[in-house]
Amino acid sequence: MSMSSRERVLACINHEIPDRVPIVIGESNATGIKMHTYKGIKELIGVEAPNEYIYDWPELGTAKIDEATMQRLRSDVRGVRDLEPETVRQRNHNRPPHSDCIDSWGSGQREVEEGYWYPGVHPIPEAKAIEDIENYTGWPDMSDPTRVAHVKEQARKLAEQNQHAILATPWLLFPFERAHAMQGMDVFLLNMAMYPDFAKALLTKITEVCKELMEPFLVELGNNVDIIKIGDDLGTQESLLISPKMYRELLKPLHADLIQFIKARTDAKIFFHTDGDVLPLVDDFIEIGVDILNPIQTSAGKMSDLARVKQRAGKNLVLCGAIDTHKILPYGTPEEVRQEVKRVIEHLGPDGGYMLASVHTVMNDVPPENVLATVDAVEEFGKYPLR
């Protein structure tokens, strides 16, 4: 019996068998599509729609996908997001062309070539002492109502339609990644090793500021949400960015606290995004209450062993992602993409517990034909009972 998109996702995240593997595409910067590829998809399928950006943030480069295209892509989720304060958005819209784009934390993106932006503005790179954190005057005001003024109505409309699962995605950058934005990755990783008390204090301060936004965001959502996306990129192509010991001492307690904070206020499932080879931390994620693990970066170390990843997840984690954006999507043929979707579903799809998505955002080097081949292959290979 055919399910609605919302029924399909709810079955999956509750470890029941849906009618087909759910598709998660669009609606966050971790599962979205960059603008160039989005334009190509619209041209292929004959859709005319504005070229808009999620979070009203062109420098991020990720498209706000129109409804007709979302339907063609068979995405089973629809999103609700916060925004930067109106004053910050207007300041960035009105700034001189090609100048740095600065967010409400004081971090920012720098244009590395025309139209391409990279997080290269770090407000406290020299900080090494706890008083440097206390003296920083650029901490964001999370009480600004323009951040979440739209959330209640958007969530209400989606809930009334009752067609798609509601994926809520606050754009915060969580403790580890935000610390990179504040100091630069290399600098903060060095500080974690040399000044652990400072690093812990900075991570804790960031977590508390994130909670200051998460509270009103969750209040505005009310019961009209199925999944809350959070995350911190912890892995590389071959290993973790920090040792498991350092993760457990400095970051895990903060992730646990944030997840507990959210779960005390909503029944929504926790979607945790973390790139790279994070297999050594899967049991930690389960312990702190992660429900859905994304993006299952199949090009990274031990994460390529999908049978092992599925075994480790068991009935404790739903897996989301696994369609390779490193080689297959940008450089494969549509038939190679089709076969990769088949392979991934064969490993991760049995007994449910898998939602298909690309490994992170579909970048501008991905042919639009390959995006369509991905979602069409789910119709071919992802229906239960699996062939």
Protein backbone atom coordinates (compact mmCIF):
# COMPACT_ATOMS: atom_id res chain seq x y z
CA MET A 1 0.00 0.00 0.00
CA SER A 2 1.38 3.40 -0.99
CA MET A 3 2.25 5.79 1.84
CA SER A 4 2.33 9.57 1.91
CA SER A 5 5.78 11.09 2.21
CA ARG A 6 5.24 11.86 5.89
CA GLU A 7 3.98 8.36 6.64
CA ARG A 8 7.01 6.96 4.80
CA VAL A 9 9.51 9.01 6.79
CA LEU A 10 7.78 8.41 10.12
CA ALA A 11 7.80 4.67 9.50
CA CYS A 12 11.49 4.77 8.69
CA ILE A 13 12.59 6.89 11.66
CA ASN A 14 10.56 4.66 13.97
CA HIS A 15 12.38 1.60 12.60
CA GLU A 16 9.36 0.27 10.76
CA ILE A 17 9.27 -0.79 7.11
CA PRO A 18 7.97 1.93 4.75
CA ASP A 19 6.67 1.35 1.23
CA ARG A 20 9.95 2.61 -0.23
CA VAL A 21 13.22 4.11 0.93
CA PRO A 22 12.52 7.77 1.82
CA ILE A 23 14.37 10.49 -0.08
CA VAL A 24 15.81 13.48 1.77
CA ILE A 25 16.82 16.23 -0.62
CA GLY A 26 16.70 20.00 -0.26
CA GLU A 27 15.70 21.93 2.87
CA SER A 28 19.10 22.21 4.58
CA ASN A 29 22.67 23.04 3.67
CA ALA A 30 23.60 19.42 4.41
CA THR A 31 21.05 17.87 2.04
CA GLY A 32 20.60 20.62 -0.53
CA ILE A 33 21.64 21.43 -4.08
CA LYS A 34 23.91 24.26 -5.17
CA MET A 35 22.48 26.85 -7.51
CA HIS A 36 24.19 25.88 -10.79
CA THR A 37 22.98 22.29 -10.61
CA TYR A 38 19.54 23.41 -9.45
CA LYS A 39 19.21 25.62 -12.52
CA GLY A 40 20.17 22.67 -14.71
CA ILE A 41 17.54 20.44 -13.11
CA LYS A 42 14.83 23.04 -13.68
CA GLU A 43 15.84 23.34 -17.31
CA LEU A 44 15.76 19.55 -17.80
CA ILE A 45 12.31 19.12 -16.29
CA GLY A 46 10.81 22.29 -17.74
CA VAL A 47 10.16 24.16 -14.50
CA GLU A 48 10.23 27.94 -14.33
CA ALA A 49 10.84 29.22 -10.81
CA PRO A 50 12.91 31.96 -9.14
CA ASN A 51 16.56 31.34 -8.30
CA GLU A 52 16.36 31.83 -4.55
CA TYR A 53 18.71 30.76 -1.75
CA ILE A 54 18.02 29.02 1.54
CA TYR A 55 18.37 31.22 4.62
CA ASP A 56 18.19 34.20 2.21
CA TRP A 57 21.96 33.74 1.97
CA PRO A 58 23.37 33.85 -1.59
CA GLU A 59 26.97 33.47 -0.43
CA LEU A 60 26.14 30.03 0.94
CA GLY A 61 25.28 29.07 -2.63
CA THR A 62 22.59 26.52 -1.76
CA ALA A 63 19.31 26.80 -3.63
CA LYS A 64 15.88 27.17 -2.11
CA ILE A 65 14.21 24.53 -4.25
CA ASP A 66 10.76 25.30 -5.61
CA GLU A 67 7.85 22.98 -4.91
CA ALA A 68 7.47 21.62 -8.46
CA THR A 69 11.13 20.58 -8.52
CA MET A 70 10.87 19.08 -5.03
CA GLN A 71 7.99 16.94 -6.27
CA ARG A 72 9.96 15.77 -9.32
CA LEU A 73 12.87 14.91 -7.02
CA ARG A 74 10.42 12.92 -4.87
CA SER A 75 11.74 14.52 -1.70
CA ASP A 76 9.82 13.26 1.29
CA VAL A 77 10.69 16.19 3.57
CA ARG A 78 9.88 19.87 3.69
CA GLY A 79 11.86 22.31 5.77
CA VAL A 80 11.49 25.04 8.34
CA ARG A 81 14.54 27.21 8.98
CA ASP A 82 15.47 30.20 11.08
CA LEU A 83 17.02 33.33 9.57
CA GLU A 84 19.77 35.71 10.49
CA PRO A 85 18.33 38.91 12.03
CA GLU A 86 16.77 41.30 9.53
CA THR A 87 19.43 43.91 10.26
CA VAL A 88 22.21 41.44 9.41
CA ARG A 89 20.51 40.33 6.22
CA GLN A 90 19.97 43.89 5.07
CA ARG A 91 23.53 44.86 5.92
CA ASN A 92 24.86 42.02 3.79
CA HIS A 93 22.45 42.66 0.92
CA ASN A 94 23.49 46.32 0.84
CA ARG A 95 27.24 45.97 1.37
CA PRO A 96 29.72 46.83 -1.42
CA PRO A 97 29.98 44.13 -4.13
CA HIS A 98 32.54 41.38 -3.46
CA SER A 99 33.16 42.54 0.12
CA ASP A 100 33.14 40.09 3.03
CA CYS A 101 29.80 38.65 4.15
CA ILE A 102 29.68 38.82 7.97
CA ASP A 103 27.13 36.88 10.02
CA SER A 104 25.63 37.73 13.40
CA TRP A 105 28.52 36.04 15.26
CA GLY A 106 31.16 38.19 13.58
CA SER A 107 32.38 35.29 11.45
CA GLY A 108 32.19 35.56 7.71
CA GLN A 109 32.75 34.43 4.16
CA ARG A 110 35.25 35.86 1.73
CA GLU A 111 34.97 35.75 -2.05
CA VAL A 112 37.81 33.53 -3.32
CA GLU A 113 36.79 33.94 -6.95
CA GLU A 114 33.81 35.69 -8.44
CA GLY A 115 30.65 34.10 -7.12
CA TYR A 116 32.42 31.57 -4.87
CA TRP A 117 32.69 32.19 -1.14
CA TYR A 118 34.72 30.53 1.58
CA PRO A 119 34.56 30.91 5.40
CA GLY A 120 37.66 33.04 5.79
CA VAL A 121 36.75 35.74 8.35
CA HIS A 122 37.48 34.76 11.96
CA PRO A 123 36.82 37.37 14.67
CA ILE A 124 38.95 36.02 17.56
CA PRO A 125 41.90 34.14 16.02
CA GLU A 126 44.33 35.34 18.71
CA ALA A 127 42.18 34.33 21.69
CA LYS A 128 43.77 31.79 24.04
CA ALA A 129 42.48 32.77 27.48
CA ILE A 130 39.05 32.57 29.07
CA GLU A 131 38.97 36.34 29.55
CA ASP A 132 39.25 36.69 25.77
CA ILE A 133 35.89 34.93 25.50
CA GLU A 134 34.37 37.15 28.17
CA ASN A 135 35.70 40.29 26.51
CA TYR A 136 34.44 39.49 23.01
CA THR A 137 31.67 41.97 22.21
CA GLY A 138 30.42 40.28 19.06
CA TRP A 139 28.29 37.51 20.57
CA PRO A 140 24.97 37.34 18.72
CA ASP A 141 21.63 38.48 20.09
CA MET A 142 19.50 35.37 19.85
CA SER A 143 16.42 37.18 21.19
CA ASP A 144 15.95 39.15 17.96
CA PRO A 145 12.39 38.19 16.93
CA THR A 146 13.14 38.44 13.21
CA ARG A 147 15.14 35.21 13.47
CA VAL A 148 12.04 33.08 14.06
CA ALA A 149 9.03 35.31 13.28
CA HIS A 150 8.10 33.15 10.27
CA VAL A 151 8.63 29.73 11.86
CA LYS A 152 5.24 29.17 13.51
CA GLU A 153 3.23 29.89 10.37
CA GLN A 154 5.46 27.85 8.06
CA ALA A 155 5.35 24.84 10.37
CA ARG A 156 1.57 25.18 10.84
CA LYS A 157 0.92 25.16 7.10
CA LEU A 158 3.09 22.10 6.54
CA ALA A 159 1.42 20.28 9.41
CA GLU A 160 -2.05 21.10 8.06
CA GLN A 161 -1.08 19.75 4.65
CA ASN A 162 0.16 16.58 6.37
CA GLN A 163 1.91 15.42 3.22
CA HIS A 164 5.62 15.61 4.03
CA ALA A 165 7.80 15.08 7.07
CA ILE A 166 8.84 18.40 8.63
CA LEU A 167 12.62 18.81 8.93
CA ALA A 168 13.56 21.82 11.06
CA THR A 169 17.06 23.18 10.54
CA PRO A 170 18.37 26.07 12.63
CA TRP A 171 21.46 27.56 10.99
CA LEU A 172 23.73 27.84 14.00
CA LEU A 173 26.95 26.01 13.31
CA PHE A 174 27.24 23.93 16.43
CA PRO A 175 30.06 24.08 19.01
CA PHE A 176 32.99 22.56 17.10
CA GLU A 177 32.30 24.14 13.71
CA ARG A 178 31.39 27.49 15.23
CA ALA A 179 34.69 27.50 17.13
CA HIS A 180 36.41 26.96 13.75
CA ALA A 181 34.46 29.93 12.38
CA MET A 182 35.47 32.08 15.35
CA GLN A 183 39.17 31.21 15.26
CA GLY A 184 39.99 29.27 12.09
CA MET A 185 40.15 25.48 12.08
CA ASP A 186 43.92 25.15 12.40
CA VAL A 187 44.07 27.66 15.23
CA PHE A 188 41.25 26.10 17.24
CA LEU A 189 42.54 22.54 16.81
CA LEU A 190 45.90 23.69 18.14
CA ASN A 191 44.20 25.44 21.04
CA MET A 192 42.32 22.24 21.92
CA ALA A 193 45.68 20.55 22.42
CA MET A 194 47.62 23.41 24.01
CA TYR A 195 44.92 25.34 25.90
CA PRO A 196 42.20 22.78 26.70
CA ASP A 197 40.60 24.92 29.42
CA PHE A 198 40.18 27.76 26.94
CA ALA A 199 38.87 25.40 24.26
CA LYS A 200 36.35 23.90 26.66
CA ALA A 201 35.20 27.38 27.75
CA LEU A 202 34.75 28.53 24.15
CA LEU A 203 32.83 25.40 23.19
CA THR A 204 30.63 25.75 26.28
CA LYS A 205 29.90 29.42 25.55
CA ILE A 206 28.93 28.60 21.97
CA THR A 207 26.65 25.79 23.16
CA GLU A 208 24.86 28.13 25.55
CA VAL A 209 24.37 30.73 22.81
CA CYS A 210 23.01 28.03 20.48
CA LYS A 211 20.49 27.04 23.15
CA GLU A 212 19.39 30.67 23.41
CA LEU A 213 18.11 30.40 19.84
CA MET A 214 17.00 26.78 20.02
CA GLU A 215 14.52 27.61 22.81
CA PRO A 216 12.36 30.12 20.87
CA PHE A 217 12.83 28.12 17.66
CA LEU A 218 11.32 25.05 19.33
CA VAL A 219 8.57 27.11 20.95
CA GLU A 220 7.52 28.47 17.54
CA LEU A 221 7.58 25.01 15.99
CA GLY A 222 5.43 23.54 18.77
CA ASN A 223 4.30 20.03 17.85
CA ASN A 224 4.59 20.75 14.12
CA VAL A 225 7.98 19.13 13.57
CA ASP A 226 9.19 15.58 12.97
CA ILE A 227 12.98 15.97 12.78
CA ILE A 228 15.45 18.52 14.18
CA LYS A 229 18.78 18.76 12.37
CA ILE A 230 21.93 19.56 14.34
CA GLY A 231 25.53 18.49 13.81
CA ASP A 232 29.26 19.09 13.92
CA ASP A 233 31.73 17.90 11.27
CA LEU A 234 34.13 15.60 13.13
CA GLY A 235 35.81 13.51 10.44
CA THR A 236 38.19 13.65 7.50
CA GLN A 237 38.59 11.37 4.50
CA GLU A 238 40.73 8.97 6.57
CA SER A 239 40.09 9.56 10.27
CA LEU A 240 38.67 11.86 12.92
CA LEU A 241 39.70 15.50 13.22
CA ILE A 242 40.33 14.92 16.92
CA SER A 243 40.97 11.75 18.90
CA PRO A 244 38.04 9.80 20.38
CA LYS A 245 39.47 10.66 23.82
CA MET A 246 39.42 14.39 23.09
CA TYR A 247 35.91 14.12 21.65
CA ARG A 248 34.67 12.36 24.78
CA GLU A 249 36.31 14.86 27.11
CA LEU A 250 35.55 18.17 25.36
CA LEU A 251 32.69 17.79 22.89
CA LYS A 252 30.57 14.77 23.74
CA PRO A 253 29.20 16.27 27.00
CA LEU A 254 28.14 19.40 25.11
CA HIS A 255 26.49 17.42 22.32
CA ALA A 256 24.71 15.33 24.96
CA ASP A 257 23.55 18.48 26.76
CA LEU A 258 22.23 20.05 23.55
CA ILE A 259 20.37 16.88 22.56
CA GLN A 260 18.88 16.55 26.03
CA PHE A 261 17.82 20.21 25.86
CA ILE A 262 16.01 19.60 22.56
CA LYS A 263 14.41 16.30 23.58
CA ALA A 264 13.03 17.87 26.75
CA ARG A 265 11.06 20.27 24.53
CA THR A 266 9.95 18.17 21.55
CA ASP A 267 9.24 14.61 20.47
CA ALA A 268 11.04 15.22 17.19
CA LYS A 269 13.88 12.91 16.24
CA ILE A 270 17.46 14.22 16.32
CA PHE A 271 19.19 14.28 12.93
CA PHE A 272 22.96 14.60 13.50
CA HIS A 273 25.13 15.65 10.57
CA THR A 274 28.84 14.88 10.76
CA ASP A 275 31.12 14.43 7.75
CA GLY A 276 34.03 12.06 7.29
CA ASP A 277 35.09 8.78 8.84
CA VAL A 278 33.25 8.90 12.16
CA LEU A 279 32.73 5.15 12.61
CA PRO A 280 34.73 5.13 15.90
CA LEU A 281 32.11 7.47 17.42
CA VAL A 282 28.93 5.69 16.35
CA ASP A 283 28.40 4.13 19.77
CA ASP A 284 28.92 7.56 21.36
CA PHE A 285 26.26 9.06 19.09
CA ILE A 286 23.81 6.35 20.09
CA GLU A 287 24.60 6.90 23.77
CA ILE A 288 23.87 10.64 23.68
CA GLY A 289 20.55 10.25 21.89
CA VAL A 290 21.20 10.74 18.18
CA ASP A 291 18.33 9.17 16.21
CA ILE A 292 19.42 9.77 12.59
CA LEU A 293 23.05 9.83 11.44
CA ASN A 294 24.00 11.74 8.30
CA PRO A 295 25.68 11.83 5.75
CA ILE A 296 27.37 8.36 5.82
CA GLN A 297 30.34 9.55 3.75
CA THR A 298 31.09 6.43 1.74
CA SER A 299 34.34 7.88 0.35
CA ALA A 300 35.80 8.28 3.85
CA GLY A 301 37.80 5.49 5.50
CA LYS A 302 35.78 2.86 7.33
CA MET A 303 32.48 4.53 6.41
CA SER A 304 32.92 2.91 3.00
CA ASP A 305 32.19 -0.47 4.62
CA LEU A 306 28.42 -0.11 4.44
CA ALA A 307 27.72 -3.57 5.83
CA ARG A 308 29.75 -2.69 8.92
CA VAL A 309 28.05 0.70 9.27
CA LYS A 310 24.62 -0.94 9.03
CA GLN A 311 25.60 -3.52 11.62
CA ARG A 312 26.86 -0.85 14.04
CA ALA A 313 23.68 1.19 13.62
CA GLY A 314 21.36 -1.74 14.19
CA LYS A 315 17.96 -0.60 15.43
CA ASN A 316 19.53 2.30 17.33
CA LEU A 317 20.26 4.65 14.43
CA VAL A 318 18.53 5.51 11.20
CA LEU A 319 21.12 6.12 8.47
CA CYS A 320 20.66 8.99 6.02
CA GLY A 321 22.86 9.75 3.04
CA ALA A 322 25.52 7.51 1.45
CA ILE A 323 25.20 8.57 -2.21
CA ASP A 324 28.76 9.63 -2.99
CA THR A 325 29.40 13.26 -3.96
CA HIS A 326 33.16 12.75 -4.24
CA LYS A 327 33.29 10.70 -7.46
CA ILE A 328 29.99 9.04 -8.39
CA LEU A 329 27.63 12.02 -8.61
CA PRO A 330 30.02 14.52 -10.24
CA TYR A 331 31.91 12.16 -12.56
CA GLY A 332 29.76 9.07 -13.03
CA THR A 333 27.34 8.42 -15.85
CA PRO A 334 23.61 8.23 -15.07
CA GLU A 335 23.90 4.43 -15.33
CA GLU A 336 26.80 4.39 -12.86
CA VAL A 337 24.74 6.55 -10.52
CA ARG A 338 21.83 4.15 -10.91
CA GLN A 339 24.03 1.17 -10.01
CA GLU A 340 25.46 3.00 -6.99
CA VAL A 341 21.98 3.70 -5.68
CA LYS A 342 21.18 0.01 -6.12
CA ARG A 343 24.36 -0.98 -4.25
CA VAL A 344 23.75 1.39 -1.35
CA ILE A 345 20.13 0.31 -0.92
CA GLU A 346 21.17 -3.35 -0.98
CA HIS A 347 23.49 -2.67 1.98
CA LEU A 348 21.57 -0.08 4.00
CA GLY A 349 17.96 -0.66 3.03
CA PRO A 350 17.13 -4.13 4.46
CA ASP A 351 14.74 -4.02 7.43
CA GLY A 352 14.26 -0.27 6.97
CA GLY A 353 16.19 2.34 8.88
CA TYR A 354 17.65 4.05 5.81
CA MET A 355 16.78 7.36 4.13
CA LEU A 356 18.54 8.11 0.87
CA ALA A 357 20.41 11.38 0.44
CA SER A 358 23.59 12.60 -1.15
CA VAL A 359 26.72 12.83 0.96
CA HIS A 360 26.33 16.48 1.91
CA THR A 361 25.17 19.15 -0.54
CA VAL A 362 24.99 18.35 -4.25
CA MET A 363 27.71 20.66 -5.55
CA ASN A 364 27.86 22.69 -8.76
CA ASP A 365 30.01 20.06 -10.50
CA VAL A 366 27.21 17.46 -10.42
CA PRO A 367 25.36 17.08 -13.75
CA PRO A 368 21.62 17.57 -13.28
CA GLU A 369 21.01 14.30 -15.13
CA ASN A 370 22.75 12.48 -12.28
CA VAL A 371 20.47 13.99 -9.67
CA LEU A 372 17.44 12.77 -11.61
CA ALA A 373 19.08 9.37 -12.09
CA THR A 374 19.51 9.14 -8.31
CA VAL A 375 15.89 9.71 -7.40
CA ASP A 376 14.56 7.63 -10.29
CA ALA A 377 16.72 4.70 -9.17
CA VAL A 378 15.05 4.81 -5.76
CA GLU A 379 11.74 4.13 -7.47
CA GLU A 380 13.36 1.19 -9.24
CA PHE A 381 15.35 -0.37 -6.41
CA GLY A 382 14.00 1.12 -3.18
CA LYS A 383 10.47 -0.28 -2.94
CA TYR A 384 9.77 -2.75 -0.13
CA PRO A 385 10.06 -5.66 -0.06
CA LEU A 386 13.46 -4.98 -1.59
CA ARG A 387 14.42 -7.10 -4.56
